[in-house]
Amino acid sequence: MMDIRGAVDAAVPTNIIAAKAAEVRANLVNWQSYLQSQMISSEDCEFIKKFEVANSEEKQVILTNEGHQCAKTFLNLMAHISKEQTVQYILTLIDDTLQENHQRVNIFFDYAKKTKNTAWSYFLPMLNRQTFSPSTWRRGSSLSWLPGAVI
């Protein structure tokens, strides 16, 4: 029998980074508005809307069948959207995806290889963004797990 205190402790974020990630997850993105303003393609819009509502098992099926599209969509969104809150949301989705199964990082490496690039080249520009600078990581006011998301 599980002690209720254990269940409560497991549900409460234990550090500021986990709390920030939970806050970011709670702010759902209106992908339709990005599509209507032609900032994202209909293909990327459809994929991200399907992916963000999928449960863990459904995500695994999506990633198995559409891994290339997943990487392409995440990377397109990171490249074409400048709103910090939305970029944080995208990076949180990527981090959640990789935390569920670390082998999923191969989706990004495979995509990079097919596009004659390196996986790092897509993520390194994130380090130049003010929100993701190392000085804000130390304060814990940003998504300090960004480097972990790409390792």
N, C-alpha and C. Protein backbone atom coordinates (compact mmCIF):
# COMPACT_ATOMS: atom_id res chain seq x y z
N MET A 1 0.84 -1.18 0.00
CA MET A 1 0.00 0.00 0.00
C MET A 1 0.89 1.24 0.00
N MET A 2 0.56 2.19 -0.86
CA MET A 2 1.37 3.39 -1.01
C MET A 2 0.92 4.46 -0.02
N ASP A 3 1.89 5.05 0.64
CA ASP A 3 1.64 6.16 1.55
C ASP A 3 1.26 7.38 0.72
N ILE A 4 0.20 8.08 1.08
CA ILE A 4 -0.28 9.25 0.33
C ILE A 4 0.80 10.33 0.24
N ARG A 5 1.66 10.44 1.26
CA ARG A 5 2.72 11.44 1.22
C ARG A 5 3.67 11.17 0.06
N GLY A 6 3.94 9.93 -0.25
CA GLY A 6 4.80 9.58 -1.38
C GLY A 6 4.18 10.02 -2.69
N ALA A 7 2.86 9.86 -2.82
CA ALA A 7 2.18 10.28 -4.04
C ALA A 7 2.22 11.79 -4.19
N VAL A 8 2.04 12.51 -3.11
CA VAL A 8 2.08 13.97 -3.15
C VAL A 8 3.49 14.44 -3.49
N ASP A 9 4.48 13.85 -2.84
CA ASP A 9 5.87 14.23 -3.11
C ASP A 9 6.24 13.99 -4.57
N ALA A 10 5.75 12.91 -5.14
CA ALA A 10 6.07 12.59 -6.53
C ALA A 10 5.42 13.58 -7.49
N ALA A 11 4.29 14.16 -7.10
CA ALA A 11 3.57 15.07 -7.98
C ALA A 11 4.07 16.51 -7.88
N VAL A 12 4.79 16.84 -6.84
CA VAL A 12 5.26 18.20 -6.64
C VAL A 12 6.67 18.35 -7.23
N PRO A 13 6.88 19.35 -8.08
CA PRO A 13 8.23 19.56 -8.63
C PRO A 13 9.24 19.77 -7.51
N THR A 14 10.39 19.12 -7.63
CA THR A 14 11.37 19.18 -6.55
C THR A 14 12.40 20.27 -6.74
N ASN A 15 12.38 20.93 -7.90
CA ASN A 15 13.34 22.01 -8.09
C ASN A 15 12.76 23.05 -9.05
N ILE A 16 13.45 24.14 -9.15
CA ILE A 16 12.95 25.26 -9.94
C ILE A 16 12.88 24.94 -11.43
N ILE A 17 13.78 24.09 -11.90
CA ILE A 17 13.77 23.73 -13.32
C ILE A 17 12.53 22.92 -13.65
N ALA A 18 12.21 21.95 -12.80
CA ALA A 18 11.01 21.15 -13.01
C ALA A 18 9.76 22.02 -12.91
N ALA A 19 9.78 22.99 -12.00
CA ALA A 19 8.64 23.90 -11.87
C ALA A 19 8.48 24.75 -13.12
N LYS A 20 9.60 25.24 -13.66
CA LYS A 20 9.54 26.05 -14.88
C LYS A 20 9.04 25.22 -16.06
N ALA A 21 9.52 23.99 -16.18
CA ALA A 21 9.06 23.11 -17.26
C ALA A 21 7.55 22.85 -17.13
N ALA A 22 7.07 22.65 -15.91
CA ALA A 22 5.63 22.43 -15.69
C ALA A 22 4.84 23.68 -16.07
N GLU A 23 5.38 24.85 -15.75
CA GLU A 23 4.74 26.11 -16.12
C GLU A 23 4.67 26.26 -17.64
N VAL A 24 5.75 25.91 -18.32
CA VAL A 24 5.80 26.01 -19.78
C VAL A 24 4.79 25.05 -20.41
N ARG A 25 4.72 23.81 -19.89
CA ARG A 25 3.77 22.82 -20.41
C ARG A 25 2.33 23.28 -20.29
N ALA A 26 2.04 24.04 -19.25
CA ALA A 26 0.66 24.48 -18.98
C ALA A 26 0.20 25.55 -19.97
N ASN A 27 1.12 26.22 -20.63
CA ASN A 27 0.77 27.27 -21.58
C ASN A 27 0.71 26.70 -23.00
N LEU A 28 -0.44 26.16 -23.33
CA LEU A 28 -0.61 25.56 -24.65
C LEU A 28 -0.51 26.62 -25.74
N VAL A 29 -0.01 26.19 -26.87
CA VAL A 29 0.23 27.09 -28.00
C VAL A 29 -0.94 27.01 -28.97
N ASN A 30 -1.35 28.14 -29.49
CA ASN A 30 -2.39 28.19 -30.53
C ASN A 30 -1.71 28.02 -31.89
N TRP A 31 -1.52 26.77 -32.29
CA TRP A 31 -0.81 26.48 -33.54
C TRP A 31 -1.57 27.00 -34.75
N GLN A 32 -2.89 27.05 -34.64
CA GLN A 32 -3.71 27.52 -35.76
C GLN A 32 -3.36 28.98 -36.10
N SER A 33 -3.09 29.79 -35.09
CA SER A 33 -2.75 31.18 -35.36
C SER A 33 -1.41 31.29 -36.09
N TYR A 34 -0.47 30.41 -35.75
CA TYR A 34 0.82 30.39 -36.46
C TYR A 34 0.62 29.95 -37.91
N LEU A 35 -0.29 29.00 -38.12
CA LEU A 35 -0.59 28.54 -39.47
C LEU A 35 -1.25 29.66 -40.28
N GLN A 36 -2.25 30.32 -39.69
CA GLN A 36 -2.96 31.39 -40.39
C GLN A 36 -2.05 32.55 -40.75
N SER A 37 -1.05 32.80 -39.92
CA SER A 37 -0.11 33.88 -40.22
C SER A 37 1.04 33.39 -41.10
N GLN A 38 0.95 32.16 -41.55
CA GLN A 38 1.92 31.53 -42.46
C GLN A 38 3.33 31.46 -41.87
N MET A 39 3.40 31.33 -40.54
CA MET A 39 4.69 31.16 -39.88
C MET A 39 5.10 29.69 -39.84
N ILE A 40 4.10 28.80 -39.95
CA ILE A 40 4.38 27.37 -40.00
C ILE A 40 3.56 26.75 -41.12
N SER A 41 4.02 25.59 -41.58
CA SER A 41 3.31 24.90 -42.66
C SER A 41 2.13 24.12 -42.10
N SER A 42 1.20 23.77 -42.97
CA SER A 42 0.06 22.96 -42.53
C SER A 42 0.54 21.58 -42.08
N GLU A 43 1.58 21.06 -42.72
CA GLU A 43 2.15 19.77 -42.35
C GLU A 43 2.70 19.81 -40.92
N ASP A 44 3.44 20.86 -40.60
CA ASP A 44 3.98 20.99 -39.24
C ASP A 44 2.87 21.24 -38.23
N CYS A 45 1.89 22.04 -38.61
CA CYS A 45 0.77 22.31 -37.71
C CYS A 45 0.00 21.04 -37.38
N GLU A 46 -0.32 20.26 -38.38
CA GLU A 46 -1.05 19.01 -38.16
C GLU A 46 -0.25 18.06 -37.28
N PHE A 47 1.04 17.95 -37.57
CA PHE A 47 1.87 17.02 -36.79
C PHE A 47 1.95 17.44 -35.33
N ILE A 48 2.27 18.70 -35.07
CA ILE A 48 2.48 19.14 -33.69
C ILE A 48 1.17 19.05 -32.88
N LYS A 49 0.05 19.36 -33.51
CA LYS A 49 -1.23 19.27 -32.82
C LYS A 49 -1.54 17.82 -32.44
N LYS A 50 -1.21 16.91 -33.33
CA LYS A 50 -1.43 15.48 -33.05
C LYS A 50 -0.46 15.00 -31.96
N PHE A 51 0.78 15.41 -32.06
CA PHE A 51 1.82 14.93 -31.15
C PHE A 51 1.62 15.43 -29.72
N GLU A 52 1.27 16.70 -29.57
CA GLU A 52 1.20 17.26 -28.22
C GLU A 52 0.06 16.68 -27.38
N VAL A 53 -0.97 16.13 -28.01
CA VAL A 53 -2.08 15.55 -27.25
C VAL A 53 -1.97 14.04 -27.08
N ALA A 54 -0.98 13.43 -27.74
CA ALA A 54 -0.82 11.98 -27.67
C ALA A 54 -0.28 11.56 -26.30
N ASN A 55 -0.72 10.39 -25.85
CA ASN A 55 -0.15 9.85 -24.62
C ASN A 55 1.16 9.16 -24.96
N SER A 56 1.83 8.63 -23.97
CA SER A 56 3.16 8.06 -24.15
C SER A 56 3.18 6.94 -25.19
N GLU A 57 2.20 6.04 -25.14
CA GLU A 57 2.15 4.93 -26.08
C GLU A 57 1.87 5.42 -27.50
N GLU A 58 0.97 6.39 -27.61
CA GLU A 58 0.66 6.95 -28.93
C GLU A 58 1.86 7.69 -29.50
N LYS A 59 2.59 8.39 -28.64
CA LYS A 59 3.80 9.08 -29.11
C LYS A 59 4.82 8.09 -29.65
N GLN A 60 4.94 6.95 -28.97
CA GLN A 60 5.89 5.95 -29.44
C GLN A 60 5.51 5.46 -30.84
N VAL A 61 4.23 5.25 -31.09
CA VAL A 61 3.77 4.82 -32.41
C VAL A 61 4.04 5.93 -33.43
N ILE A 62 3.73 7.15 -33.06
CA ILE A 62 3.97 8.29 -33.96
C ILE A 62 5.46 8.38 -34.30
N LEU A 63 6.30 8.27 -33.29
CA LEU A 63 7.75 8.40 -33.51
C LEU A 63 8.30 7.24 -34.32
N THR A 64 7.75 6.06 -34.14
CA THR A 64 8.18 4.90 -34.92
C THR A 64 7.81 5.08 -36.38
N ASN A 65 6.60 5.56 -36.63
CA ASN A 65 6.10 5.70 -38.00
C ASN A 65 6.47 7.01 -38.66
N GLU A 66 6.67 8.06 -37.87
CA GLU A 66 6.89 9.39 -38.42
C GLU A 66 8.06 10.11 -37.75
N GLY A 67 9.11 9.38 -37.44
CA GLY A 67 10.26 9.97 -36.77
C GLY A 67 10.88 11.12 -37.55
N HIS A 68 11.00 10.93 -38.86
CA HIS A 68 11.57 11.98 -39.72
C HIS A 68 10.71 13.24 -39.66
N GLN A 69 9.41 13.08 -39.73
CA GLN A 69 8.50 14.22 -39.67
C GLN A 69 8.55 14.89 -38.31
N CYS A 70 8.72 14.10 -37.26
CA CYS A 70 8.82 14.67 -35.91
C CYS A 70 10.02 15.60 -35.82
N ALA A 71 11.17 15.10 -36.21
CA ALA A 71 12.38 15.93 -36.15
C ALA A 71 12.22 17.16 -37.03
N LYS A 72 11.72 16.96 -38.22
CA LYS A 72 11.54 18.08 -39.16
C LYS A 72 10.61 19.14 -38.57
N THR A 73 9.51 18.72 -37.99
CA THR A 73 8.55 19.66 -37.41
C THR A 73 9.16 20.41 -36.24
N PHE A 74 9.75 19.70 -35.28
CA PHE A 74 10.35 20.37 -34.13
C PHE A 74 11.41 21.37 -34.57
N LEU A 75 12.25 20.98 -35.51
CA LEU A 75 13.33 21.86 -35.95
C LEU A 75 12.80 23.04 -36.76
N ASN A 76 11.78 22.81 -37.58
CA ASN A 76 11.15 23.91 -38.32
C ASN A 76 10.54 24.92 -37.35
N LEU A 77 9.85 24.41 -36.34
CA LEU A 77 9.21 25.31 -35.38
C LEU A 77 10.25 26.13 -34.63
N MET A 78 11.34 25.48 -34.22
CA MET A 78 12.40 26.20 -33.52
C MET A 78 12.99 27.29 -34.41
N ALA A 79 13.11 27.00 -35.69
CA ALA A 79 13.76 27.94 -36.61
C ALA A 79 12.85 29.10 -37.03
N HIS A 80 11.54 28.87 -37.08
CA HIS A 80 10.64 29.88 -37.65
C HIS A 80 9.80 30.66 -36.65
N ILE A 81 9.87 30.27 -35.39
CA ILE A 81 9.07 30.95 -34.37
C ILE A 81 10.02 31.69 -33.44
N SER A 82 9.72 32.95 -33.20
CA SER A 82 10.61 33.74 -32.35
C SER A 82 10.05 34.00 -30.96
N LYS A 83 8.78 33.80 -30.76
CA LYS A 83 8.18 34.06 -29.45
C LYS A 83 8.79 33.11 -28.41
N GLU A 84 9.40 33.69 -27.40
CA GLU A 84 10.13 32.90 -26.40
C GLU A 84 9.27 31.84 -25.73
N GLN A 85 8.05 32.20 -25.38
CA GLN A 85 7.17 31.26 -24.70
C GLN A 85 6.92 30.03 -25.57
N THR A 86 6.75 30.24 -26.87
CA THR A 86 6.49 29.13 -27.79
C THR A 86 7.75 28.30 -27.98
N VAL A 87 8.89 28.95 -28.09
CA VAL A 87 10.15 28.21 -28.23
C VAL A 87 10.40 27.37 -26.97
N GLN A 88 10.14 27.93 -25.81
CA GLN A 88 10.28 27.17 -24.57
C GLN A 88 9.35 25.95 -24.58
N TYR A 89 8.13 26.13 -25.08
CA TYR A 89 7.17 25.03 -25.16
C TYR A 89 7.70 23.93 -26.08
N ILE A 90 8.24 24.31 -27.23
CA ILE A 90 8.78 23.34 -28.19
C ILE A 90 9.95 22.58 -27.55
N LEU A 91 10.85 23.31 -26.91
CA LEU A 91 12.00 22.67 -26.27
C LEU A 91 11.56 21.75 -25.13
N THR A 92 10.51 22.13 -24.43
CA THR A 92 9.99 21.28 -23.36
C THR A 92 9.41 20.00 -23.95
N LEU A 93 8.69 20.10 -25.07
CA LEU A 93 8.18 18.89 -25.74
C LEU A 93 9.33 17.98 -26.17
N ILE A 94 10.38 18.58 -26.71
CA ILE A 94 11.55 17.78 -27.12
C ILE A 94 12.17 17.11 -25.90
N ASP A 95 12.35 17.87 -24.84
CA ASP A 95 12.95 17.31 -23.63
C ASP A 95 12.09 16.18 -23.06
N ASP A 96 10.78 16.39 -23.00
CA ASP A 96 9.87 15.34 -22.51
C ASP A 96 9.98 14.08 -23.36
N THR A 97 10.05 14.28 -24.66
CA THR A 97 10.15 13.15 -25.60
C THR A 97 11.43 12.37 -25.35
N LEU A 98 12.53 13.08 -25.16
CA LEU A 98 13.82 12.41 -24.94
C LEU A 98 13.90 11.80 -23.54
N GLN A 99 13.27 12.44 -22.56
CA GLN A 99 13.29 11.88 -21.21
C GLN A 99 12.51 10.57 -21.13
N GLU A 100 11.45 10.46 -21.91
CA GLU A 100 10.68 9.21 -21.94
C GLU A 100 11.51 8.05 -22.48
N ASN A 101 12.38 8.36 -23.45
CA ASN A 101 13.21 7.33 -24.07
C ASN A 101 14.42 8.02 -24.69
N HIS A 102 15.57 7.85 -24.06
CA HIS A 102 16.78 8.54 -24.51
C HIS A 102 17.20 8.11 -25.92
N GLN A 103 16.79 6.94 -26.36
CA GLN A 103 17.15 6.48 -27.70
C GLN A 103 16.46 7.31 -28.79
N ARG A 104 15.46 8.05 -28.42
CA ARG A 104 14.75 8.88 -29.40
C ARG A 104 15.62 10.00 -29.96
N VAL A 105 16.73 10.28 -29.31
CA VAL A 105 17.64 11.30 -29.83
C VAL A 105 18.10 10.92 -31.24
N ASN A 106 18.08 9.63 -31.54
CA ASN A 106 18.48 9.17 -32.87
C ASN A 106 17.57 9.73 -33.97
N ILE A 107 16.35 10.09 -33.63
CA ILE A 107 15.45 10.71 -34.60
C ILE A 107 16.10 11.99 -35.13
N PHE A 108 16.68 12.76 -34.24
CA PHE A 108 17.31 14.02 -34.65
C PHE A 108 18.62 13.77 -35.39
N PHE A 109 19.40 12.80 -34.93
CA PHE A 109 20.65 12.48 -35.62
C PHE A 109 20.38 11.94 -37.02
N ASP A 110 19.37 11.08 -37.15
CA ASP A 110 19.02 10.53 -38.47
C ASP A 110 18.53 11.62 -39.41
N TYR A 111 17.71 12.52 -38.89
CA TYR A 111 17.22 13.63 -39.71
C TYR A 111 18.38 14.51 -40.16
N ALA A 112 19.27 14.80 -39.24
CA ALA A 112 20.43 15.65 -39.57
C ALA A 112 21.29 15.00 -40.65
N LYS A 113 21.48 13.70 -40.52
CA LYS A 113 22.29 13.00 -41.51
C LYS A 113 21.64 13.07 -42.89
N LYS A 114 20.32 12.88 -42.94
CA LYS A 114 19.60 12.94 -44.22
C LYS A 114 19.64 14.33 -44.84
N THR A 115 19.73 15.36 -43.99
CA THR A 115 19.78 16.73 -44.50
C THR A 115 21.21 17.24 -44.60
N LYS A 116 22.16 16.31 -44.44
CA LYS A 116 23.60 16.64 -44.54
C LYS A 116 23.99 17.76 -43.58
N ASN A 117 23.58 17.57 -42.35
CA ASN A 117 23.83 18.53 -41.29
C ASN A 117 24.26 17.78 -40.04
N THR A 118 24.49 18.50 -38.97
CA THR A 118 24.69 17.85 -37.67
C THR A 118 23.50 18.20 -36.80
N ALA A 119 23.16 17.33 -35.89
CA ALA A 119 22.03 17.59 -34.99
C ALA A 119 22.29 18.85 -34.17
N TRP A 120 23.54 19.06 -33.81
CA TRP A 120 23.90 20.21 -32.98
C TRP A 120 23.61 21.52 -33.70
N SER A 121 23.77 21.54 -35.01
CA SER A 121 23.60 22.80 -35.75
C SER A 121 22.19 23.36 -35.60
N TYR A 122 21.22 22.52 -35.32
CA TYR A 122 19.85 22.98 -35.14
C TYR A 122 19.64 23.56 -33.75
N PHE A 123 20.35 23.03 -32.77
CA PHE A 123 20.13 23.43 -31.38
C PHE A 123 21.07 24.54 -30.91
N LEU A 124 22.25 24.63 -31.50
CA LEU A 124 23.20 25.64 -31.05
C LEU A 124 22.68 27.07 -31.14
N PRO A 125 21.90 27.44 -32.16
CA PRO A 125 21.36 28.81 -32.17
C PRO A 125 20.50 29.14 -30.94
N MET A 126 19.95 28.12 -30.30
CA MET A 126 19.16 28.36 -29.10
C MET A 126 20.02 28.97 -28.00
N LEU A 127 21.31 28.65 -28.00
CA LEU A 127 22.19 29.18 -26.96
C LEU A 127 22.44 30.68 -27.11
N ASN A 128 22.20 31.20 -28.30
CA ASN A 128 22.37 32.64 -28.53
C ASN A 128 21.15 33.45 -28.12
N ARG A 129 20.07 32.77 -27.84
CA ARG A 129 18.85 33.47 -27.41
C ARG A 129 19.05 33.97 -25.99
N GLN A 130 18.59 35.16 -25.70
CA GLN A 130 18.77 35.76 -24.38
C GLN A 130 18.18 34.87 -23.29
N THR A 131 17.02 34.32 -23.52
CA THR A 131 16.35 33.51 -22.51
C THR A 131 17.16 32.29 -22.13
N PHE A 132 17.98 31.80 -23.05
CA PHE A 132 18.70 30.56 -22.80
C PHE A 132 20.18 30.77 -22.51
N SER A 133 20.59 31.98 -22.20
CA SER A 133 22.00 32.24 -21.96
C SER A 133 22.45 31.56 -20.66
N PRO A 134 23.72 31.14 -20.60
CA PRO A 134 24.22 30.46 -19.40
C PRO A 134 24.04 31.25 -18.12
N SER A 135 24.07 32.57 -18.18
CA SER A 135 23.90 33.35 -16.95
C SER A 135 22.50 33.18 -16.38
N THR A 136 21.50 33.00 -17.23
CA THR A 136 20.15 32.78 -16.71
C THR A 136 19.98 31.35 -16.23
N TRP A 137 20.75 30.40 -16.76
CA TRP A 137 20.67 29.03 -16.25
C TRP A 137 21.09 28.98 -14.80
N ARG A 138 22.15 29.71 -14.47
CA ARG A 138 22.65 29.67 -13.10
C ARG A 138 21.61 30.23 -12.14
N ARG A 139 20.86 31.21 -12.58
CA ARG A 139 19.82 31.78 -11.71
C ARG A 139 18.60 30.88 -11.66
N GLY A 140 18.51 29.92 -12.57
CA GLY A 140 17.37 29.02 -12.57
C GLY A 140 16.12 29.66 -13.12
N SER A 141 16.25 30.81 -13.81
CA SER A 141 15.07 31.50 -14.30
C SER A 141 14.72 31.10 -15.73
N SER A 142 15.44 30.16 -16.27
CA SER A 142 15.19 29.74 -17.64
C SER A 142 15.25 28.23 -17.73
N LEU A 143 15.24 27.74 -18.93
CA LEU A 143 15.24 26.29 -19.14
C LEU A 143 16.67 25.77 -19.17
N SER A 144 17.24 25.58 -18.00
CA SER A 144 18.64 25.18 -17.91
C SER A 144 18.87 23.77 -18.41
N TRP A 145 17.82 23.04 -18.68
CA TRP A 145 17.98 21.67 -19.18
C TRP A 145 18.21 21.65 -20.67
N LEU A 146 18.21 22.82 -21.34
CA LEU A 146 18.41 22.85 -22.79
C LEU A 146 19.60 22.02 -23.23
N PRO A 147 20.79 22.16 -22.60
CA PRO A 147 21.89 21.33 -23.07
C PRO A 147 21.60 19.85 -22.92
N GLY A 148 20.88 19.47 -21.88
CA GLY A 148 20.52 18.06 -21.69
C GLY A 148 19.56 17.56 -22.75
N ALA A 149 18.79 18.46 -23.32
CA ALA A 149 17.82 18.06 -24.35
C ALA A 149 18.50 17.64 -25.64
N VAL A 150 19.73 18.10 -25.83
CA VAL A 150 20.39 17.79 -27.10
C VAL A 150 21.55 16.82 -26.92
N ILE A 151 21.78 16.37 -25.71
CA ILE A 151 22.88 15.43 -25.47
C ILE A 151 22.38 14.02 -25.57
